[in-house]
Amino acid sequence: MSRLHLRATFTFLGLACVATADETPKKPAETVIEVRFIDDSLVKLTLLDDRVEIVTPSGKQSILVSDIRKVDLGLRISDELAKRIDAAIADLGSSQVKTREDAAKQLLALRELAYPALKRVAQSGDGDIAKRAEALIEKLKDAIPQGRLEVPDHDVIHLDKSKVTGKIASPILKARSFAFGDVQLKLADARTFAAKVPESELAKAALPDPGSLTGYRQPQNFGRQFTFRVTGAIRGSVWGTEIYTADSTLAAAAVHMGVLKVGETGLVTVTVLGPLPKFIGSTRNGVTTADYNQYPAAYQIHPKGD
């Protein structure tokens, strides 16, 4: 007798979410990861694939997901998107002002995905199009942290004591979201993902409160995560909301973010970021932060529970 199989698909935060009404399949190996998407959002997922296939210059390798500590994802541009980018760049040379303006908006919205094509055109010396491409590149440099535009076209899988460089064969990994059930993680929408470290191990590796992240603003730290043991405080100078200037007081920023209460000691995990053009202040949890323009480095506090 055939059995009814219902399937529905929707997309959220770059995840293709699939809901099914069927018998529960045999549970595969699972690893909890934290995914940073290209819009800088963070999502915790349970990875359902037990292996990742990566194509390297020496051939294809199969790596156990349980052995992976972090994956830095290279640039992925589909054929369809590449055609859209090429069409928009061609429209930069249009005699119609509105057509040129619409093309510029499209390219700026695509951010680092459009950057390689804009760079090629800017270096081509192709008259007005090259000049307009150069202008868009400058706007992207103002809007995107240092080091984020020059995205390589290869992936790097970090293991305990080594790393593997190549291209992950599948464009999609199977995962599960607490809120949305089974989802498909599209690698083209993600920047990096890392294995979630158990709280006990995180506590052992936690660093003392540095006061601020001024000492971590070197480019080699951009994109890296650090965990500190911090006691929440209301005093201190803080600039920004959710993303803070590197010289912002971490103890006060943690209270502002809601990951600690005043006087509470706990673990605070941050990701160090490069320069940003603007920081917006706000009042949260009794802490008022200020606005600030471009600063050489920043940090993003991970929400509690992520």
C-alpha atoms as a PDB file:
ATOM      1  CA  MET A   1       0.000   0.000   0.000  1.00  0.00           C
ATOM      2  CA  SER A   2       1.378   3.433  -0.890  1.00  0.00           C
ATOM      3  CA  ARG A   3       1.676   5.958   1.850  1.00  0.00           C
ATOM      4  CA  LEU A   4       1.041   9.705   1.713  1.00  0.00           C
ATOM      5  CA  HIS A   5       4.188  11.838   1.626  1.00  0.00           C
ATOM      6  CA  LEU A   6       3.660  15.593   2.134  1.00  0.00           C
ATOM      7  CA  ARG A   7       6.462  18.056   1.378  1.00  0.00           C
ATOM      8  CA  ALA A   8       6.664  21.843   1.716  1.00  0.00           C
ATOM      9  CA  THR A   9       9.674  24.082   1.069  1.00  0.00           C
ATOM     10  CA  PHE A  10      10.369  27.679   2.068  1.00  0.00           C
ATOM     11  CA  THR A  11      13.459  29.886   2.417  1.00  0.00           C
ATOM     12  CA  PHE A  12      14.678  31.786   5.471  1.00  0.00           C
ATOM     13  CA  LEU A  13      18.118  33.409   6.039  1.00  0.00           C
ATOM     14  CA  GLY A  14      19.629  31.539   3.117  1.00  0.00           C
ATOM     15  CA  LEU A  15      18.249  28.226   4.325  1.00  0.00           C
ATOM     16  CA  ALA A  16      15.956  26.118   2.185  1.00  0.00           C
ATOM     17  CA  CYS A  17      13.566  24.769   4.795  1.00  0.00           C
ATOM     18  CA  VAL A  18      11.795  21.485   4.123  1.00  0.00           C
ATOM     19  CA  ALA A  19       8.862  20.148   6.120  1.00  0.00           C
ATOM     20  CA  THR A  20       7.763  16.559   5.536  1.00  0.00           C
ATOM     21  CA  ALA A  21       5.102  14.257   6.901  1.00  0.00           C
ATOM     22  CA  ASP A  22       6.655  10.824   6.701  1.00  0.00           C
ATOM     23  CA  GLU A  23       8.273   8.148   8.765  1.00  0.00           C
ATOM     24  CA  THR A  24      11.326   9.404  10.648  1.00  0.00           C
ATOM     25  CA  PRO A  25      14.479   8.222   8.830  1.00  0.00           C
ATOM     26  CA  LYS A  26      17.399   6.673  10.615  1.00  0.00           C
ATOM     27  CA  LYS A  27      19.240   9.408  12.476  1.00  0.00           C
ATOM     28  CA  PRO A  28      22.631  10.238  10.889  1.00  0.00           C
ATOM     29  CA  ALA A  29      25.692  11.594  12.692  1.00  0.00           C
ATOM     30  CA  GLU A  30      25.062  15.133  13.928  1.00  0.00           C
ATOM     31  CA  THR A  31      27.351  18.047  14.729  1.00  0.00           C
ATOM     32  CA  VAL A  32      26.217  21.422  16.067  1.00  0.00           C
ATOM     33  CA  ILE A  33      27.677  24.332  14.084  1.00  0.00           C
ATOM     34  CA  GLU A  34      27.422  28.105  14.142  1.00  0.00           C
ATOM     35  CA  VAL A  35      27.005  29.612  10.669  1.00  0.00           C
ATOM     36  CA  ARG A  36      27.901  33.186   9.760  1.00  0.00           C
ATOM     37  CA  PHE A  37      26.022  34.283   6.638  1.00  0.00           C
ATOM     38  CA  ILE A  38      27.181  36.910   4.144  1.00  0.00           C
ATOM     39  CA  ASP A  39      24.910  39.490   5.810  1.00  0.00           C
ATOM     40  CA  ASP A  40      26.800  38.829   9.104  1.00  0.00           C
ATOM     41  CA  SER A  41      23.844  37.095  10.776  1.00  0.00           C
ATOM     42  CA  LEU A  42      24.651  34.108  12.990  1.00  0.00           C
ATOM     43  CA  VAL A  43      22.564  30.943  13.106  1.00  0.00           C
ATOM     44  CA  LYS A  44      23.103  27.754  15.112  1.00  0.00           C
ATOM     45  CA  LEU A  45      22.329  24.565  13.191  1.00  0.00           C
ATOM     46  CA  THR A  46      22.730  20.839  13.625  1.00  0.00           C
ATOM     47  CA  LEU A  47      24.645  19.488  10.650  1.00  0.00           C
ATOM     48  CA  LEU A  48      23.206  16.169   9.475  1.00  0.00           C
ATOM     49  CA  ASP A  49      25.827  15.172   6.890  1.00  0.00           C
ATOM     50  CA  ASP A  50      28.469  12.911   8.414  1.00  0.00           C
ATOM     51  CA  ARG A  51      31.091  13.701   5.743  1.00  0.00           C
ATOM     52  CA  VAL A  52      32.107  16.596   3.522  1.00  0.00           C
ATOM     53  CA  GLU A  53      33.654  15.999   0.104  1.00  0.00           C
ATOM     54  CA  ILE A  54      36.252  18.565  -0.951  1.00  0.00           C
ATOM     55  CA  VAL A  55      38.016  18.729  -4.319  1.00  0.00           C
ATOM     56  CA  THR A  56      41.699  19.633  -3.913  1.00  0.00           C
ATOM     57  CA  PRO A  57      44.541  20.000  -6.441  1.00  0.00           C
ATOM     58  CA  SER A  58      45.612  16.451  -5.501  1.00  0.00           C
ATOM     59  CA  GLY A  59      42.134  14.962  -5.842  1.00  0.00           C
ATOM     60  CA  LYS A  60      38.895  14.576  -3.899  1.00  0.00           C
ATOM     61  CA  GLN A  61      39.004  14.031  -0.133  1.00  0.00           C
ATOM     62  CA  SER A  62      36.240  12.860   2.183  1.00  0.00           C
ATOM     63  CA  ILE A  63      36.426  14.448   5.628  1.00  0.00           C
ATOM     64  CA  LEU A  64      34.414  13.424   8.667  1.00  0.00           C
ATOM     65  CA  VAL A  65      32.276  16.310   9.881  1.00  0.00           C
ATOM     66  CA  SER A  66      33.128  15.374  13.461  1.00  0.00           C
ATOM     67  CA  ASP A  67      36.813  16.159  12.674  1.00  0.00           C
ATOM     68  CA  ILE A  68      36.059  19.637  11.311  1.00  0.00           C
ATOM     69  CA  ARG A  69      36.658  22.608  13.587  1.00  0.00           C
ATOM     70  CA  LYS A  70      35.950  25.439  11.142  1.00  0.00           C
ATOM     71  CA  VAL A  71      35.278  26.039   7.440  1.00  0.00           C
ATOM     72  CA  ASP A  72      36.122  29.299   5.649  1.00  0.00           C
ATOM     73  CA  LEU A  73      33.978  29.385   2.536  1.00  0.00           C
ATOM     74  CA  GLY A  74      35.191  30.836  -0.747  1.00  0.00           C
ATOM     75  CA  LEU A  75      33.183  32.942  -3.166  1.00  0.00           C
ATOM     76  CA  ARG A  76      30.356  31.147  -4.956  1.00  0.00           C
ATOM     77  CA  ILE A  77      28.553  32.796  -7.861  1.00  0.00           C
ATOM     78  CA  SER A  78      25.952  30.832  -9.794  1.00  0.00           C
ATOM     79  CA  ASP A  79      25.739  31.089 -13.591  1.00  0.00           C
ATOM     80  CA  GLU A  80      22.406  32.895 -13.217  1.00  0.00           C
ATOM     81  CA  LEU A  81      23.856  35.448 -10.796  1.00  0.00           C
ATOM     82  CA  ALA A  82      26.937  35.943 -12.991  1.00  0.00           C
ATOM     83  CA  LYS A  83      24.636  36.806 -15.900  1.00  0.00           C
ATOM     84  CA  ARG A  84      22.748  39.306 -13.726  1.00  0.00           C
ATOM     85  CA  ILE A  85      25.997  40.949 -12.658  1.00  0.00           C
ATOM     86  CA  ASP A  86      27.272  41.151 -16.256  1.00  0.00           C
ATOM     87  CA  ALA A  87      23.966  42.672 -17.391  1.00  0.00           C
ATOM     88  CA  ALA A  88      24.053  45.268 -14.620  1.00  0.00           C
ATOM     89  CA  ILE A  89      27.641  46.201 -15.464  1.00  0.00           C
ATOM     90  CA  ALA A  90      26.697  46.591 -19.116  1.00  0.00           C
ATOM     91  CA  ASP A  91      23.871  48.903 -18.006  1.00  0.00           C
ATOM     92  CA  LEU A  92      26.456  51.162 -16.342  1.00  0.00           C
ATOM     93  CA  GLY A  93      27.267  52.287 -19.878  1.00  0.00           C
ATOM     94  CA  SER A  94      23.644  53.094 -20.756  1.00  0.00           C
ATOM     95  CA  SER A  95      22.765  56.554 -22.068  1.00  0.00           C
ATOM     96  CA  GLN A  96      19.712  56.501 -19.764  1.00  0.00           C
ATOM     97  CA  VAL A  97      20.421  57.933 -16.301  1.00  0.00           C
ATOM     98  CA  LYS A  98      17.751  55.809 -14.596  1.00  0.00           C
ATOM     99  CA  THR A  99      19.111  52.624 -16.169  1.00  0.00           C
ATOM    100  CA  ARG A 100      22.604  53.459 -14.892  1.00  0.00           C
ATOM    101  CA  GLU A 101      21.274  54.273 -11.413  1.00  0.00           C
ATOM    102  CA  ASP A 102      19.255  51.040 -11.208  1.00  0.00           C
ATOM    103  CA  ALA A 103      22.310  49.046 -12.289  1.00  0.00           C
ATOM    104  CA  ALA A 104      24.456  50.724  -9.633  1.00  0.00           C
ATOM    105  CA  LYS A 105      21.882  49.910  -6.934  1.00  0.00           C
ATOM    106  CA  GLN A 106      21.792  46.256  -7.991  1.00  0.00           C
ATOM    107  CA  LEU A 107      25.573  45.959  -7.896  1.00  0.00           C
ATOM    108  CA  LEU A 108      25.884  47.665  -4.519  1.00  0.00           C
ATOM    109  CA  ALA A 109      23.179  45.391  -3.097  1.00  0.00           C
ATOM    110  CA  LEU A 110      25.197  42.346  -4.196  1.00  0.00           C
ATOM    111  CA  ARG A 111      28.184  43.661  -2.195  1.00  0.00           C
ATOM    112  CA  GLU A 112      31.222  41.348  -2.353  1.00  0.00           C
ATOM    113  CA  LEU A 113      29.510  39.094  -4.896  1.00  0.00           C
ATOM    114  CA  ALA A 114      29.714  41.897  -7.460  1.00  0.00           C
ATOM    115  CA  TYR A 115      33.202  43.050  -6.443  1.00  0.00           C
ATOM    116  CA  PRO A 116      35.325  40.705  -8.633  1.00  0.00           C
ATOM    117  CA  ALA A 117      33.401  41.680 -11.779  1.00  0.00           C
ATOM    118  CA  LEU A 118      33.547  45.389 -10.894  1.00  0.00           C
ATOM    119  CA  LYS A 119      37.279  45.096 -10.288  1.00  0.00           C
ATOM    120  CA  ARG A 120      37.846  43.475 -13.681  1.00  0.00           C
ATOM    121  CA  VAL A 121      35.878  46.227 -15.427  1.00  0.00           C
ATOM    122  CA  ALA A 122      37.603  49.000 -13.472  1.00  0.00           C
ATOM    123  CA  GLN A 123      41.000  47.637 -14.532  1.00  0.00           C
ATOM    124  CA  SER A 124      39.943  47.247 -18.159  1.00  0.00           C
ATOM    125  CA  GLY A 125      40.052  50.975 -18.841  1.00  0.00           C
ATOM    126  CA  ASP A 126      36.734  50.741 -20.682  1.00  0.00           C
ATOM    127  CA  GLY A 127      35.879  54.465 -20.582  1.00  0.00           C
ATOM    128  CA  ASP A 128      32.815  55.560 -18.600  1.00  0.00           C
ATOM    129  CA  ILE A 129      31.936  52.031 -17.459  1.00  0.00           C
ATOM    130  CA  ALA A 130      35.378  51.642 -15.863  1.00  0.00           C
ATOM    131  CA  LYS A 131      35.049  54.989 -14.077  1.00  0.00           C
ATOM    132  CA  ARG A 132      31.580  54.105 -12.768  1.00  0.00           C
ATOM    133  CA  ALA A 133      32.836  50.694 -11.649  1.00  0.00           C
ATOM    134  CA  GLU A 134      35.681  52.415  -9.753  1.00  0.00           C
ATOM    135  CA  ALA A 135      33.156  54.680  -8.009  1.00  0.00           C
ATOM    136  CA  LEU A 136      31.073  51.661  -6.946  1.00  0.00           C
ATOM    137  CA  ILE A 137      34.180  49.889  -5.655  1.00  0.00           C
ATOM    138  CA  GLU A 138      34.956  52.868  -3.417  1.00  0.00           C
ATOM    139  CA  LYS A 139      31.419  52.747  -2.023  1.00  0.00           C
ATOM    140  CA  LEU A 140      31.786  49.019  -1.319  1.00  0.00           C
ATOM    141  CA  LYS A 141      35.096  49.643   0.447  1.00  0.00           C
ATOM    142  CA  ASP A 142      33.365  52.181   2.702  1.00  0.00           C
ATOM    143  CA  ALA A 143      30.502  49.798   3.495  1.00  0.00           C
ATOM    144  CA  ILE A 144      32.281  46.454   3.908  1.00  0.00           C
ATOM    145  CA  PRO A 145      34.963  45.686   6.527  1.00  0.00           C
ATOM    146  CA  GLN A 146      38.562  45.382   5.393  1.00  0.00           C
ATOM    147  CA  GLY A 147      39.484  41.975   4.053  1.00  0.00           C
ATOM    148  CA  ARG A 148      35.912  40.990   3.204  1.00  0.00           C
ATOM    149  CA  LEU A 149      35.927  42.143  -0.419  1.00  0.00           C
ATOM    150  CA  GLU A 150      38.865  40.020  -1.533  1.00  0.00           C
ATOM    151  CA  VAL A 151      37.098  36.693  -0.965  1.00  0.00           C
ATOM    152  CA  PRO A 152      39.113  33.750  -2.400  1.00  0.00           C
ATOM    153  CA  ASP A 153      37.451  31.266  -4.734  1.00  0.00           C
ATOM    154  CA  HIS A 154      38.519  28.270  -2.617  1.00  0.00           C
ATOM    155  CA  ASP A 155      37.325  26.817   0.708  1.00  0.00           C
ATOM    156  CA  VAL A 156      39.528  26.032   3.697  1.00  0.00           C
ATOM    157  CA  ILE A 157      38.574  23.238   6.106  1.00  0.00           C
ATOM    158  CA  HIS A 158      40.354  23.563   9.455  1.00  0.00           C
ATOM    159  CA  LEU A 159      41.038  20.361  11.394  1.00  0.00           C
ATOM    160  CA  ASP A 160      42.697  19.987  14.806  1.00  0.00           C
ATOM    161  CA  LYS A 161      46.272  20.178  13.534  1.00  0.00           C
ATOM    162  CA  SER A 162      45.964  20.774   9.803  1.00  0.00           C
ATOM    163  CA  LYS A 163      43.811  22.316   7.105  1.00  0.00           C
ATOM    164  CA  VAL A 164      42.596  21.268   3.674  1.00  0.00           C
ATOM    165  CA  THR A 165      42.241  23.767   0.812  1.00  0.00           C
ATOM    166  CA  GLY A 166      39.989  23.161  -2.175  1.00  0.00           C
ATOM    167  CA  LYS A 167      36.310  23.427  -3.119  1.00  0.00           C
ATOM    168  CA  ILE A 168      33.540  21.632  -1.245  1.00  0.00           C
ATOM    169  CA  ALA A 169      31.834  19.493  -3.883  1.00  0.00           C
ATOM    170  CA  SER A 170      28.210  19.936  -2.816  1.00  0.00           C
ATOM    171  CA  PRO A 171      26.627  23.413  -2.935  1.00  0.00           C
ATOM    172  CA  ILE A 172      24.238  22.399  -0.118  1.00  0.00           C
ATOM    173  CA  LEU A 173      24.638  20.675   3.244  1.00  0.00           C
ATOM    174  CA  LYS A 174      21.786  19.048   5.160  1.00  0.00           C
ATOM    175  CA  ALA A 175      21.056  20.561   8.550  1.00  0.00           C
ATOM    176  CA  ARG A 176      18.396  21.027  11.206  1.00  0.00           C
ATOM    177  CA  SER A 177      17.231  24.292  12.742  1.00  0.00           C
ATOM    178  CA  PHE A 178      15.590  24.457  16.162  1.00  0.00           C
ATOM    179  CA  ALA A 179      12.945  26.827  14.793  1.00  0.00           C
ATOM    180  CA  PHE A 180      12.434  25.450  11.272  1.00  0.00           C
ATOM    181  CA  GLY A 181      13.246  21.743  11.405  1.00  0.00           C
ATOM    182  CA  ASP A 182      15.141  20.209   8.472  1.00  0.00           C
ATOM    183  CA  VAL A 183      16.823  22.840   6.283  1.00  0.00           C
ATOM    184  CA  GLN A 184      19.317  23.023   3.444  1.00  0.00           C
ATOM    185  CA  LEU A 185      22.381  25.148   4.166  1.00  0.00           C
ATOM    186  CA  LYS A 186      23.318  26.877   0.912  1.00  0.00           C
ATOM    187  CA  LEU A 187      27.064  27.438   1.001  1.00  0.00           C
ATOM    188  CA  ALA A 188      26.751  30.363  -1.424  1.00  0.00           C
ATOM    189  CA  ASP A 189      24.848  32.272   1.290  1.00  0.00           C
ATOM    190  CA  ALA A 190      27.365  31.572   4.061  1.00  0.00           C
ATOM    191  CA  ARG A 191      30.763  33.019   4.866  1.00  0.00           C
ATOM    192  CA  THR A 192      31.995  30.530   7.445  1.00  0.00           C
ATOM    193  CA  PHE A 193      30.821  27.897   9.881  1.00  0.00           C
ATOM    194  CA  ALA A 194      32.435  26.367  12.924  1.00  0.00           C
ATOM    195  CA  ALA A 195      31.765  23.461  15.246  1.00  0.00           C
ATOM    196  CA  LYS A 196      29.999  24.572  18.409  1.00  0.00           C
ATOM    197  CA  VAL A 197      32.353  24.088  21.341  1.00  0.00           C
ATOM    198  CA  PRO A 198      30.745  22.521  24.446  1.00  0.00           C
ATOM    199  CA  GLU A 199      30.269  24.989  27.297  1.00  0.00           C
ATOM    200  CA  SER A 200      32.672  23.057  29.532  1.00  0.00           C
ATOM    201  CA  GLU A 201      35.472  23.219  26.938  1.00  0.00           C
ATOM    202  CA  LEU A 202      34.682  26.857  26.211  1.00  0.00           C
ATOM    203  CA  ALA A 203      35.029  27.686  29.917  1.00  0.00           C
ATOM    204  CA  LYS A 204      38.439  26.016  30.089  1.00  0.00           C
ATOM    205  CA  ALA A 205      39.699  28.009  27.100  1.00  0.00           C
ATOM    206  CA  ALA A 206      38.128  31.337  28.133  1.00  0.00           C
ATOM    207  CA  LEU A 207      40.466  34.324  28.373  1.00  0.00           C
ATOM    208  CA  PRO A 208      40.357  36.962  31.117  1.00  0.00           C
ATOM    209  CA  ASP A 209      38.402  40.159  30.481  1.00  0.00           C
ATOM    210  CA  PRO A 210      40.637  42.337  28.248  1.00  0.00           C
ATOM    211  CA  GLY A 211      38.717  45.512  29.119  1.00  0.00           C
ATOM    212  CA  SER A 212      38.172  46.240  25.423  1.00  0.00           C
ATOM    213  CA  LEU A 213      39.187  44.564  22.162  1.00  0.00           C
ATOM    214  CA  THR A 214      41.759  47.234  21.287  1.00  0.00           C
ATOM    215  CA  GLY A 215      44.522  44.653  21.563  1.00  0.00           C
ATOM    216  CA  TYR A 216      42.787  42.424  18.986  1.00  0.00           C
ATOM    217  CA  ARG A 217      42.338  44.894  16.147  1.00  0.00           C
ATOM    218  CA  GLN A 218      45.133  43.542  13.931  1.00  0.00           C
ATOM    219  CA  PRO A 219      43.911  42.329  10.480  1.00  0.00           C
ATOM    220  CA  GLN A 220      44.977  38.738  11.254  1.00  0.00           C
ATOM    221  CA  ASN A 221      42.271  38.649  13.945  1.00  0.00           C
ATOM    222  CA  PHE A 222      39.438  39.759  11.644  1.00  0.00           C
ATOM    223  CA  GLY A 223      36.844  36.979  11.495  1.00  0.00           C
ATOM    224  CA  ARG A 224      38.282  35.125  14.506  1.00  0.00           C
ATOM    225  CA  GLN A 225      36.238  34.225  17.582  1.00  0.00           C
ATOM    226  CA  PHE A 226      37.390  34.732  21.162  1.00  0.00           C
ATOM    227  CA  THR A 227      35.697  33.853  24.437  1.00  0.00           C
ATOM    228  CA  PHE A 228      36.311  35.866  27.609  1.00  0.00           C
ATOM    229  CA  ARG A 229      35.229  35.486  31.219  1.00  0.00           C
ATOM    230  CA  VAL A 230      33.573  38.802  32.012  1.00  0.00           C
ATOM    231  CA  THR A 231      31.657  40.388  34.876  1.00  0.00           C
ATOM    232  CA  GLY A 232      28.860  42.599  33.575  1.00  0.00           C
ATOM    233  CA  ALA A 233      29.153  46.294  34.378  1.00  0.00           C
ATOM    234  CA  ILE A 234      27.235  49.448  33.618  1.00  0.00           C
ATOM    235  CA  ARG A 235      30.259  51.728  33.579  1.00  0.00           C
ATOM    236  CA  GLY A 236      32.491  52.186  30.595  1.00  0.00           C
ATOM    237  CA  SER A 237      32.473  53.792  27.154  1.00  0.00           C
ATOM    238  CA  VAL A 238      30.647  51.897  24.409  1.00  0.00           C
ATOM    239  CA  TRP A 239      29.983  52.823  20.786  1.00  0.00           C
ATOM    240  CA  GLY A 240      27.543  50.906  18.597  1.00  0.00           C
ATOM    241  CA  THR A 241      24.709  48.388  18.918  1.00  0.00           C
ATOM    242  CA  GLU A 242      25.300  44.617  18.604  1.00  0.00           C
ATOM    243  CA  ILE A 243      28.471  45.496  16.698  1.00  0.00           C
ATOM    244  CA  TYR A 244      30.771  47.705  18.776  1.00  0.00           C
ATOM    245  CA  THR A 245      34.005  49.620  18.145  1.00  0.00           C
ATOM    246  CA  ALA A 246      37.055  47.644  19.267  1.00  0.00           C
ATOM    247  CA  ASP A 247      37.795  50.161  22.042  1.00  0.00           C
ATOM    248  CA  SER A 248      34.318  49.737  23.613  1.00  0.00           C
ATOM    249  CA  THR A 249      34.286  48.391  27.175  1.00  0.00           C
ATOM    250  CA  LEU A 250      33.407  44.704  26.847  1.00  0.00           C
ATOM    251  CA  ALA A 251      31.757  44.354  30.279  1.00  0.00           C
ATOM    252  CA  ALA A 252      29.319  47.192  29.502  1.00  0.00           C
ATOM    253  CA  ALA A 253      28.756  46.065  25.902  1.00  0.00           C
ATOM    254  CA  ALA A 254      27.852  42.578  27.197  1.00  0.00           C
ATOM    255  CA  VAL A 255      25.167  44.086  29.454  1.00  0.00           C
ATOM    256  CA  HIS A 256      23.929  46.294  26.592  1.00  0.00           C
ATOM    257  CA  MET A 257      23.718  43.199  24.384  1.00  0.00           C
ATOM    258  CA  GLY A 258      21.822  41.287  27.085  1.00  0.00           C
ATOM    259  CA  VAL A 259      24.260  38.386  27.463  1.00  0.00           C
ATOM    260  CA  LEU A 260      25.159  39.420  31.047  1.00  0.00           C
ATOM    261  CA  LYS A 261      23.480  41.310  33.871  1.00  0.00           C
ATOM    262  CA  VAL A 262      25.294  43.880  35.973  1.00  0.00           C
ATOM    263  CA  GLY A 263      27.484  41.986  38.465  1.00  0.00           C
ATOM    264  CA  GLU A 264      26.942  38.625  36.706  1.00  0.00           C
ATOM    265  CA  THR A 265      30.086  36.736  35.674  1.00  0.00           C
ATOM    266  CA  GLY A 266      29.896  34.563  32.577  1.00  0.00           C
ATOM    267  CA  LEU A 267      31.372  33.701  29.203  1.00  0.00           C
ATOM    268  CA  VAL A 268      31.173  36.242  26.392  1.00  0.00           C
ATOM    269  CA  THR A 269      32.061  35.119  22.860  1.00  0.00           C
ATOM    270  CA  VAL A 270      32.890  37.738  20.254  1.00  0.00           C
ATOM    271  CA  THR A 271      33.915  37.824  16.608  1.00  0.00           C
ATOM    272  CA  VAL A 272      36.491  40.448  15.683  1.00  0.00           C
ATOM    273  CA  LEU A 273      35.593  42.466  12.577  1.00  0.00           C
ATOM    274  CA  GLY A 274      37.464  44.907  10.369  1.00  0.00           C
ATOM    275  CA  PRO A 275      36.687  48.616   9.881  1.00  0.00           C
ATOM    276  CA  LEU A 276      33.045  49.667   9.554  1.00  0.00           C
ATOM    277  CA  PRO A 277      31.861  53.042   8.244  1.00  0.00           C
ATOM    278  CA  LYS A 278      29.408  53.804  11.047  1.00  0.00           C
ATOM    279  CA  PHE A 279      28.264  52.676  14.501  1.00  0.00           C
ATOM    280  CA  ILE A 280      24.795  53.497  15.852  1.00  0.00           C
ATOM    281  CA  GLY A 281      24.245  54.010  19.573  1.00  0.00           C
ATOM    282  CA  SER A 282      21.169  53.022  21.597  1.00  0.00           C
ATOM    283  CA  THR A 283      19.910  52.424  25.116  1.00  0.00           C
ATOM    284  CA  ARG A 284      19.431  48.812  26.232  1.00  0.00           C
ATOM    285  CA  ASN A 285      19.399  47.119  29.618  1.00  0.00           C
ATOM    286  CA  GLY A 286      20.399  50.307  31.412  1.00  0.00           C
ATOM    287  CA  VAL A 287      23.455  50.961  29.213  1.00  0.00           C
ATOM    288  CA  THR A 288      23.506  53.848  26.742  1.00  0.00           C
ATOM    289  CA  THR A 289      25.953  53.593  23.849  1.00  0.00           C
ATOM    290  CA  ALA A 290      27.043  56.336  21.447  1.00  0.00           C
ATOM    291  CA  ASP A 291      27.259  56.832  17.690  1.00  0.00           C
ATOM    292  CA  TYR A 292      30.649  56.788  16.000  1.00  0.00           C
ATOM    293  CA  ASN A 293      31.969  57.019  12.471  1.00  0.00           C
ATOM    294  CA  GLN A 294      34.556  54.717  10.905  1.00  0.00           C
ATOM    295  CA  TYR A 295      36.860  52.898  13.332  1.00  0.00           C
ATOM    296  CA  PRO A 296      39.827  50.573  12.491  1.00  0.00           C
ATOM    297  CA  ALA A 297      38.210  47.466  14.021  1.00  0.00           C
ATOM    298  CA  ALA A 298      35.036  46.235  15.695  1.00  0.00           C
ATOM    299  CA  TYR A 299      33.591  43.228  17.479  1.00  0.00           C
ATOM    300  CA  GLN A 300      30.254  41.466  17.436  1.00  0.00           C
ATOM    301  CA  ILE A 301      28.973  39.786  20.600  1.00  0.00           C
ATOM    302  CA  HIS A 302      27.288  36.431  20.044  1.00  0.00           C
ATOM    303  CA  PRO A 303      23.738  36.338  21.422  1.00  0.00           C
ATOM    304  CA  LYS A 304      23.206  34.323  24.557  1.00  0.00           C
ATOM    305  CA  GLY A 305      22.668  30.654  23.762  1.00  0.00           C
ATOM    306  CA  ASP A 306      24.330  30.834  20.315  1.00  0.00           C
END
